[in-house]
């Protein structure tokens, strides 16, 4: 995530990532973290990449006025380190 992001917003998004990892919900978040670590990302980098997917999903929800789309979220996780907006 960009260094210019609001620190409160960044903390909230990182909390989502940490909660998903802790609760193993969805399990693909932990799988993605492990894959990114195996590919050479640091844990911080991997969590930041996952946070980018979380933030992209939030933006899509707000822009489209539709509920959370787990399929879209999981597909974006699978594509990391390619960012959702690339």
PDB file of N, CA and C in Angstrom:
ATOM      1  N   UNK A   1       0.840  -1.175   0.000  1.00  0.00           N
ATOM      2  CA  UNK A   1       0.000   0.000   0.000  1.00  0.00           C
ATOM      3  C   UNK A   1       0.881   1.232   0.000  1.00  0.00           C
ATOM      4  N   UNK A   2       0.363   2.282  -0.576  1.00  0.00           N
ATOM      5  CA  UNK A   2       1.121   3.513  -0.708  1.00  0.00           C
ATOM      6  C   UNK A   2       1.453   4.112   0.653  1.00  0.00           C
ATOM      7  N   UNK A   3       2.636   4.715   0.737  1.00  0.00           N
ATOM      8  CA  UNK A   3       3.057   5.357   1.984  1.00  0.00           C
ATOM      9  C   UNK A   3       2.203   6.581   2.299  1.00  0.00           C
ATOM     10  N   UNK A   4       1.477   7.138   1.299  1.00  0.00           N
ATOM     11  CA  UNK A   4       0.654   8.307   1.506  1.00  0.00           C
ATOM     12  C   UNK A   4      -0.738   8.003   2.047  1.00  0.00           C
ATOM     13  N   UNK A   5      -0.997   6.747   2.349  1.00  0.00           N
ATOM     14  CA  UNK A   5      -2.316   6.340   2.837  1.00  0.00           C
ATOM     15  C   UNK A   5      -2.530   6.841   4.259  1.00  0.00           C
ATOM     16  N   UNK A   6      -3.754   7.213   4.556  1.00  0.00           N
ATOM     17  CA  UNK A   6      -4.142   7.618   5.900  1.00  0.00           C
ATOM     18  C   UNK A   6      -3.743   6.519   6.880  1.00  0.00           C
ATOM     19  N   UNK A   7      -3.000   6.843   7.950  1.00  0.00           N
ATOM     20  CA  UNK A   7      -2.525   5.810   8.869  1.00  0.00           C
ATOM     21  C   UNK A   7      -3.653   5.053   9.585  1.00  0.00           C
ATOM     22  N   UNK A   8      -4.764   5.716   9.842  1.00  0.00           N
ATOM     23  CA  UNK A   8      -5.887   5.039  10.493  1.00  0.00           C
ATOM     24  C   UNK A   8      -6.515   4.031   9.525  1.00  0.00           C
ATOM     25  N   UNK A   9      -6.667   4.442   8.278  1.00  0.00           N
ATOM     26  CA  UNK A   9      -7.203   3.546   7.256  1.00  0.00           C
ATOM     27  C   UNK A   9      -6.259   2.371   7.030  1.00  0.00           C
ATOM     28  N   UNK A  10      -4.969   2.647   6.956  1.00  0.00           N
ATOM     29  CA  UNK A  10      -3.981   1.591   6.764  1.00  0.00           C
ATOM     30  C   UNK A  10      -4.048   0.587   7.910  1.00  0.00           C
ATOM     31  N   UNK A  11      -4.127   1.081   9.144  1.00  0.00           N
ATOM     32  CA  UNK A  11      -4.201   0.196  10.310  1.00  0.00           C
ATOM     33  C   UNK A  11      -5.458  -0.667  10.256  1.00  0.00           C
ATOM     34  N   UNK A  12      -6.576  -0.095   9.829  1.00  0.00           N
ATOM     35  CA  UNK A  12      -7.827  -0.854   9.738  1.00  0.00           C
ATOM     36  C   UNK A  12      -7.723  -1.961   8.692  1.00  0.00           C
ATOM     37  N   UNK A  13      -7.120  -1.649   7.559  1.00  0.00           N
ATOM     38  CA  UNK A  13      -6.970  -2.653   6.505  1.00  0.00           C
ATOM     39  C   UNK A  13      -6.002  -3.749   6.938  1.00  0.00           C
ATOM     40  N   UNK A  14      -4.914  -3.367   7.591  1.00  0.00           N
ATOM     41  CA  UNK A  14      -3.972  -4.373   8.082  1.00  0.00           C
ATOM     42  C   UNK A  14      -4.627  -5.246   9.158  1.00  0.00           C
ATOM     43  N   UNK A  15      -5.506  -4.662   9.959  1.00  0.00           N
ATOM     44  CA  UNK A  15      -6.222  -5.452  10.960  1.00  0.00           C
ATOM     45  C   UNK A  15      -7.104  -6.500  10.283  1.00  0.00           C
ATOM     46  N   UNK A  16      -7.731  -6.143   9.168  1.00  0.00           N
ATOM     47  CA  UNK A  16      -8.520  -7.110   8.407  1.00  0.00           C
ATOM     48  C   UNK A  16      -7.632  -8.269   7.970  1.00  0.00           C
ATOM     49  N   UNK A  17      -6.460  -7.945   7.418  1.00  0.00           N
ATOM     50  CA  UNK A  17      -5.520  -8.988   6.973  1.00  0.00           C
ATOM     51  C   UNK A  17      -5.128  -9.877   8.144  1.00  0.00           C
ATOM     52  N   UNK A  18      -4.749  -9.286   9.252  1.00  0.00           N
ATOM     53  CA  UNK A  18      -4.310 -10.068  10.413  1.00  0.00           C
ATOM     54  C   UNK A  18      -5.448 -10.921  10.969  1.00  0.00           C
ATOM     55  N   UNK A  19      -6.670 -10.389  10.981  1.00  0.00           N
ATOM     56  CA  UNK A  19      -7.818 -11.167  11.438  1.00  0.00           C
ATOM     57  C   UNK A  19      -8.089 -12.350  10.516  1.00  0.00           C
ATOM     58  N   UNK A  20      -7.983 -12.124   9.220  1.00  0.00           N
ATOM     59  CA  UNK A  20      -8.198 -13.218   8.273  1.00  0.00           C
ATOM     60  C   UNK A  20      -7.146 -14.300   8.460  1.00  0.00           C
ATOM     61  N   UNK A  21      -5.898 -13.893   8.685  1.00  0.00           N
ATOM     62  CA  UNK A  21      -4.833 -14.876   8.912  1.00  0.00           C
ATOM     63  C   UNK A  21      -5.053 -15.626  10.223  1.00  0.00           C
ATOM     64  N   UNK A  22      -5.390 -14.901  11.277  1.00  0.00           N
ATOM     65  CA  UNK A  22      -5.606 -15.519  12.587  1.00  0.00           C
ATOM     66  C   UNK A  22      -6.779 -16.499  12.561  1.00  0.00           C
ATOM     67  N   UNK A  23      -7.866 -16.094  11.913  1.00  0.00           N
ATOM     68  CA  UNK A  23      -9.081 -16.902  11.889  1.00  0.00           C
ATOM     69  C   UNK A  23      -9.091 -17.936  10.759  1.00  0.00           C
ATOM     70  N   UNK A  24      -8.094 -17.833   9.865  1.00  0.00           N
ATOM     71  CA  UNK A  24      -8.011 -18.710   8.696  1.00  0.00           C
ATOM     72  C   UNK A  24      -9.306 -18.639   7.877  1.00  0.00           C
ATOM     73  N   UNK A  25      -9.801 -17.407   7.741  1.00  0.00           N
ATOM     74  CA  UNK A  25     -11.040 -17.182   6.999  1.00  0.00           C
ATOM     75  C   UNK A  25     -10.878 -15.975   6.096  1.00  0.00           C
ATOM     76  N   UNK A  26     -10.908 -16.136   4.809  1.00  0.00           N
ATOM     77  CA  UNK A  26     -10.921 -17.406   4.119  1.00  0.00           C
ATOM     78  C   UNK A  26      -9.525 -18.049   4.150  1.00  0.00           C
ATOM     79  N   UNK A  27      -9.462 -19.357   4.058  1.00  0.00           N
ATOM     80  CA  UNK A  27      -8.167 -20.040   4.145  1.00  0.00           C
ATOM     81  C   UNK A  27      -7.191 -19.656   3.032  1.00  0.00           C
ATOM     82  N   UNK A  28      -7.714 -19.143   1.944  1.00  0.00           N
ATOM     83  CA  UNK A  28      -6.853 -18.736   0.823  1.00  0.00           C
ATOM     84  C   UNK A  28      -5.927 -17.596   1.192  1.00  0.00           C
ATOM     85  N   UNK A  29      -6.275 -16.817   2.216  1.00  0.00           N
ATOM     86  CA  UNK A  29      -5.390 -15.725   2.643  1.00  0.00           C
ATOM     87  C   UNK A  29      -4.095 -16.307   3.201  1.00  0.00           C
ATOM     88  N   UNK A  30      -4.195 -17.319   4.053  1.00  0.00           N
ATOM     89  CA  UNK A  30      -2.994 -17.960   4.601  1.00  0.00           C
ATOM     90  C   UNK A  30      -2.208 -18.660   3.498  1.00  0.00           C
ATOM     91  N   UNK A  31      -2.912 -19.323   2.596  1.00  0.00           N
ATOM     92  CA  UNK A  31      -2.250 -19.987   1.465  1.00  0.00           C
ATOM     93  C   UNK A  31      -1.494 -18.970   0.621  1.00  0.00           C
ATOM     94  N   UNK A  32      -2.112 -17.817   0.404  1.00  0.00           N
ATOM     95  CA  UNK A  32      -1.468 -16.758  -0.377  1.00  0.00           C
ATOM     96  C   UNK A  32      -0.236 -16.236   0.344  1.00  0.00           C
ATOM     97  N   UNK A  33      -0.348 -16.011   1.652  1.00  0.00           N
ATOM     98  CA  UNK A  33       0.801 -15.559   2.437  1.00  0.00           C
ATOM     99  C   UNK A  33       1.951 -16.554   2.307  1.00  0.00           C
ATOM    100  N   UNK A  34       1.671 -17.824   2.492  1.00  0.00           N
ATOM    101  CA  UNK A  34       2.709 -18.855   2.405  1.00  0.00           C
ATOM    102  C   UNK A  34       3.332 -18.904   1.017  1.00  0.00           C
ATOM    103  N   UNK A  35       2.518 -18.758  -0.024  1.00  0.00           N
ATOM    104  CA  UNK A  35       3.034 -18.767  -1.394  1.00  0.00           C
ATOM    105  C   UNK A  35       3.944 -17.568  -1.633  1.00  0.00           C
ATOM    106  N   UNK A  36       3.513 -16.396  -1.190  1.00  0.00           N
ATOM    107  CA  UNK A  36       4.333 -15.200  -1.386  1.00  0.00           C
ATOM    108  C   UNK A  36       5.649 -15.290  -0.618  1.00  0.00           C
ATOM    109  N   UNK A  37       5.618 -15.842   0.583  1.00  0.00           N
ATOM    110  CA  UNK A  37       6.855 -16.037   1.353  1.00  0.00           C
ATOM    111  C   UNK A  37       7.789 -16.990   0.618  1.00  0.00           C
ATOM    112  N   UNK A  38       7.239 -18.064   0.071  1.00  0.00           N
ATOM    113  CA  UNK A  38       8.047 -19.042  -0.676  1.00  0.00           C
ATOM    114  C   UNK A  38       8.636 -18.417  -1.942  1.00  0.00           C
ATOM    115  N   UNK A  39       7.961 -17.413  -2.485  1.00  0.00           N
ATOM    116  CA  UNK A  39       8.444 -16.726  -3.695  1.00  0.00           C
ATOM    117  C   UNK A  39       9.463 -15.642  -3.374  1.00  0.00           C
ATOM    118  N   UNK A  40       9.766 -15.440  -2.073  1.00  0.00           N
ATOM    119  CA  UNK A  40      10.822 -14.504  -1.713  1.00  0.00           C
ATOM    120  C   UNK A  40      10.362 -13.188  -1.103  1.00  0.00           C
ATOM    121  N   UNK A  41       9.062 -12.987  -0.953  1.00  0.00           N
ATOM    122  CA  UNK A  41       8.579 -11.777  -0.301  1.00  0.00           C
ATOM    123  C   UNK A  41       8.852 -11.889   1.202  1.00  0.00           C
ATOM    124  N   UNK A  42       9.099 -10.766   1.842  1.00  0.00           N
ATOM    125  CA  UNK A  42       9.154 -10.772   3.305  1.00  0.00           C
ATOM    126  C   UNK A  42       7.718 -10.874   3.811  1.00  0.00           C
ATOM    127  N   UNK A  43       7.563 -11.195   5.094  1.00  0.00           N
ATOM    128  CA  UNK A  43       6.200 -11.268   5.649  1.00  0.00           C
ATOM    129  C   UNK A  43       5.502  -9.914   5.526  1.00  0.00           C
ATOM    130  N   UNK A  44       6.227  -8.840   5.814  1.00  0.00           N
ATOM    131  CA  UNK A  44       5.633  -7.510   5.703  1.00  0.00           C
ATOM    132  C   UNK A  44       5.191  -7.220   4.269  1.00  0.00           C
ATOM    133  N   UNK A  45       6.035  -7.547   3.301  1.00  0.00           N
ATOM    134  CA  UNK A  45       5.679  -7.328   1.896  1.00  0.00           C
ATOM    135  C   UNK A  45       4.459  -8.157   1.508  1.00  0.00           C
ATOM    136  N   UNK A  46       4.435  -9.411   1.933  1.00  0.00           N
ATOM    137  CA  UNK A  46       3.325 -10.289   1.595  1.00  0.00           C
ATOM    138  C   UNK A  46       2.017  -9.779   2.198  1.00  0.00           C
ATOM    139  N   UNK A  47       2.074  -9.350   3.457  1.00  0.00           N
ATOM    140  CA  UNK A  47       0.874  -8.818   4.095  1.00  0.00           C
ATOM    141  C   UNK A  47       0.423  -7.528   3.420  1.00  0.00           C
ATOM    142  N   UNK A  48       1.358  -6.705   2.993  1.00  0.00           N
ATOM    143  CA  UNK A  48       1.022  -5.477   2.273  1.00  0.00           C
ATOM    144  C   UNK A  48       0.335  -5.799   0.943  1.00  0.00           C
ATOM    145  N   UNK A  49       0.821  -6.824   0.247  1.00  0.00           N
ATOM    146  CA  UNK A  49       0.190  -7.222  -1.010  1.00  0.00           C
ATOM    147  C   UNK A  49      -1.239  -7.698  -0.769  1.00  0.00           C
ATOM    148  N   UNK A  50      -1.434  -8.499   0.263  1.00  0.00           N
ATOM    149  CA  UNK A  50      -2.779  -8.962   0.604  1.00  0.00           C
ATOM    150  C   UNK A  50      -3.653  -7.762   0.971  1.00  0.00           C
ATOM    151  N   UNK A  51      -3.088  -6.805   1.690  1.00  0.00           N
ATOM    152  CA  UNK A  51      -3.825  -5.596   2.059  1.00  0.00           C
ATOM    153  C   UNK A  51      -4.249  -4.812   0.812  1.00  0.00           C
ATOM    154  N   UNK A  52      -3.452  -4.845  -0.222  1.00  0.00           N
ATOM    155  CA  UNK A  52      -3.835  -4.185  -1.476  1.00  0.00           C
ATOM    156  C   UNK A  52      -5.092  -4.829  -2.055  1.00  0.00           C
ATOM    157  N   UNK A  53      -5.180  -6.136  -1.958  1.00  0.00           N
ATOM    158  CA  UNK A  53      -6.373  -6.835  -2.447  1.00  0.00           C
ATOM    159  C   UNK A  53      -7.579  -6.472  -1.583  1.00  0.00           C
ATOM    160  N   UNK A  54      -7.387  -6.425  -0.274  1.00  0.00           N
ATOM    161  CA  UNK A  54      -8.481  -6.030   0.628  1.00  0.00           C
ATOM    162  C   UNK A  54      -8.960  -4.626   0.261  1.00  0.00           C
ATOM    163  N   UNK A  55      -8.030  -3.694   0.101  1.00  0.00           N
ATOM    164  CA  UNK A  55      -8.420  -2.314  -0.201  1.00  0.00           C
ATOM    165  C   UNK A  55      -9.103  -2.217  -1.558  1.00  0.00           C
ATOM    166  N   UNK A  56      -8.636  -2.986  -2.524  1.00  0.00           N
ATOM    167  CA  UNK A  56      -9.263  -2.988  -3.842  1.00  0.00           C
ATOM    168  C   UNK A  56     -10.692  -3.516  -3.757  1.00  0.00           C
ATOM    169  N   UNK A  57     -10.895  -4.548  -2.961  1.00  0.00           N
ATOM    170  CA  UNK A  57     -12.250  -5.098  -2.789  1.00  0.00           C
ATOM    171  C   UNK A  57     -13.156  -4.068  -2.119  1.00  0.00           C
ATOM    172  N   UNK A  58     -12.644  -3.368  -1.124  1.00  0.00           N
ATOM    173  CA  UNK A  58     -13.437  -2.332  -0.459  1.00  0.00           C
ATOM    174  C   UNK A  58     -13.831  -1.240  -1.455  1.00  0.00           C
ATOM    175  N   UNK A  59     -12.885  -0.806  -2.269  1.00  0.00           N
ATOM    176  CA  UNK A  59     -13.179   0.225  -3.271  1.00  0.00           C
ATOM    177  C   UNK A  59     -14.230  -0.271  -4.255  1.00  0.00           C
ATOM    178  N   UNK A  60     -14.097  -1.519  -4.704  1.00  0.00           N
ATOM    179  CA  UNK A  60     -15.085  -2.067  -5.636  1.00  0.00           C
ATOM    180  C   UNK A  60     -16.474  -2.113  -5.007  1.00  0.00           C
ATOM    181  N   UNK A  61     -16.554  -2.509  -3.745  1.00  0.00           N
ATOM    182  CA  UNK A  61     -17.840  -2.548  -3.035  1.00  0.00           C
ATOM    183  C   UNK A  61     -18.457  -1.151  -2.995  1.00  0.00           C
ATOM    184  N   UNK A  62     -17.656  -0.165  -2.646  1.00  0.00           N
ATOM    185  CA  UNK A  62     -18.160   1.199  -2.537  1.00  0.00           C
ATOM    186  C   UNK A  62     -18.556   1.778  -3.900  1.00  0.00           C
ATOM    187  N   UNK A  63     -17.761   1.515  -4.920  1.00  0.00           N
ATOM    188  CA  UNK A  63     -18.038   2.058  -6.251  1.00  0.00           C
ATOM    189  C   UNK A  63     -19.269   1.415  -6.877  1.00  0.00           C
ATOM    190  N   UNK A  64     -19.404   0.096  -6.696  1.00  0.00           N
ATOM    191  CA  UNK A  64     -20.486  -0.625  -7.361  1.00  0.00           C
ATOM    192  C   UNK A  64     -21.744  -0.732  -6.507  1.00  0.00           C
ATOM    193  N   UNK A  65     -21.631  -0.419  -5.222  1.00  0.00           N
ATOM    194  CA  UNK A  65     -22.781  -0.511  -4.341  1.00  0.00           C
ATOM    195  C   UNK A  65     -23.307  -1.930  -4.204  1.00  0.00           C
ATOM    196  N   UNK A  66     -22.415  -2.898  -4.376  1.00  0.00           N
ATOM    197  CA  UNK A  66     -22.796  -4.305  -4.304  1.00  0.00           C
ATOM    198  C   UNK A  66     -22.116  -4.955  -3.113  1.00  0.00           C
ATOM    199  N   UNK A  67     -22.623  -6.118  -2.683  1.00  0.00           N
ATOM    200  CA  UNK A  67     -22.004  -6.808  -1.551  1.00  0.00           C
ATOM    201  C   UNK A  67     -20.625  -7.368  -1.908  1.00  0.00           C
ATOM    202  N   UNK A  68     -19.907  -7.734  -0.871  1.00  0.00           N
ATOM    203  CA  UNK A  68     -18.604  -8.389  -0.998  1.00  0.00           C
ATOM    204  C   UNK A  68     -18.699  -9.563  -1.958  1.00  0.00           C
ATOM    205  N   UNK A  69     -17.717  -9.655  -2.851  1.00  0.00           N
ATOM    206  CA  UNK A  69     -17.681 -10.717  -3.849  1.00  0.00           C
ATOM    207  C   UNK A  69     -16.475 -11.605  -3.547  1.00  0.00           C
ATOM    208  N   UNK A  70     -16.719 -12.703  -2.858  1.00  0.00           N
ATOM    209  CA  UNK A  70     -15.619 -13.575  -2.447  1.00  0.00           C
ATOM    210  C   UNK A  70     -14.865 -14.154  -3.636  1.00  0.00           C
ATOM    211  N   UNK A  71     -15.558 -14.479  -4.701  1.00  0.00           N
ATOM    212  CA  UNK A  71     -14.887 -15.023  -5.896  1.00  0.00           C
ATOM    213  C   UNK A  71     -13.892 -14.015  -6.447  1.00  0.00           C
ATOM    214  N   UNK A  72     -14.308 -12.764  -6.541  1.00  0.00           N
ATOM    215  CA  UNK A  72     -13.415 -11.708  -7.042  1.00  0.00           C
ATOM    216  C   UNK A  72     -12.214 -11.548  -6.110  1.00  0.00           C
ATOM    217  N   UNK A  73     -12.469 -11.567  -4.800  1.00  0.00           N
ATOM    218  CA  UNK A  73     -11.407 -11.427  -3.807  1.00  0.00           C
ATOM    219  C   UNK A  73     -10.395 -12.564  -3.917  1.00  0.00           C
ATOM    220  N   UNK A  74     -10.880 -13.791  -3.981  1.00  0.00           N
ATOM    221  CA  UNK A  74      -9.984 -14.951  -4.052  1.00  0.00           C
ATOM    222  C   UNK A  74      -9.200 -14.965  -5.353  1.00  0.00           C
ATOM    223  N   UNK A  75      -9.834 -14.578  -6.452  1.00  0.00           N
ATOM    224  CA  UNK A  75      -9.123 -14.508  -7.732  1.00  0.00           C
ATOM    225  C   UNK A  75      -7.994 -13.484  -7.674  1.00  0.00           C
ATOM    226  N   UNK A  76      -8.243 -12.355  -7.016  1.00  0.00           N
ATOM    227  CA  UNK A  76      -7.201 -11.326  -6.886  1.00  0.00           C
ATOM    228  C   UNK A  76      -6.053 -11.830  -6.013  1.00  0.00           C
ATOM    229  N   UNK A  77      -6.367 -12.583  -4.949  1.00  0.00           N
ATOM    230  CA  UNK A  77      -5.298 -13.165  -4.118  1.00  0.00           C
ATOM    231  C   UNK A  77      -4.427 -14.107  -4.936  1.00  0.00           C
ATOM    232  N   UNK A  78      -5.043 -14.927  -5.769  1.00  0.00           N
ATOM    233  CA  UNK A  78      -4.290 -15.898  -6.583  1.00  0.00           C
ATOM    234  C   UNK A  78      -3.332 -15.215  -7.548  1.00  0.00           C
ATOM    235  N   UNK A  79      -3.667 -14.010  -7.967  1.00  0.00           N
ATOM    236  CA  UNK A  79      -2.852 -13.295  -8.964  1.00  0.00           C
ATOM    237  C   UNK A  79      -1.664 -12.546  -8.347  1.00  0.00           C
ATOM    238  N   UNK A  80      -1.667 -12.397  -7.005  1.00  0.00           N
ATOM    239  CA  UNK A  80      -0.554 -11.690  -6.373  1.00  0.00           C
ATOM    240  C   UNK A  80       0.771 -12.372  -6.696  1.00  0.00           C
ATOM    241  N   UNK A  81       1.848 -11.669  -6.931  1.00  0.00           N
ATOM    242  CA  UNK A  81       2.068 -10.265  -6.605  1.00  0.00           C
ATOM    243  C   UNK A  81       1.546  -9.254  -7.616  1.00  0.00           C
ATOM    244  N   UNK A  82       0.852  -9.719  -8.672  1.00  0.00           N
ATOM    245  CA  UNK A  82       0.219  -8.754  -9.567  1.00  0.00           C
ATOM    246  C   UNK A  82      -0.903  -8.072  -8.800  1.00  0.00           C
ATOM    247  N   UNK A  83      -0.890  -6.761  -8.771  1.00  0.00           N
ATOM    248  CA  UNK A  83      -1.885  -5.993  -8.021  1.00  0.00           C
ATOM    249  C   UNK A  83      -3.214  -5.940  -8.778  1.00  0.00           C
ATOM    250  N   UNK A  84      -4.314  -5.857  -8.067  1.00  0.00           N
ATOM    251  CA  UNK A  84      -5.632  -5.883  -8.711  1.00  0.00           C
ATOM    252  C   UNK A  84      -5.833  -4.784  -9.749  1.00  0.00           C
ATOM    253  N   UNK A  85      -5.182  -3.661  -9.564  1.00  0.00           N
ATOM    254  CA  UNK A  85      -5.389  -2.539 -10.488  1.00  0.00           C
ATOM    255  C   UNK A  85      -4.379  -2.520 -11.628  1.00  0.00           C
ATOM    256  N   UNK A  86      -3.473  -3.490 -11.670  1.00  0.00           N
ATOM    257  CA  UNK A  86      -2.497  -3.567 -12.773  1.00  0.00           C
ATOM    258  C   UNK A  86      -3.051  -4.361 -13.936  1.00  0.00           C
TER     259      UNK A  86
END
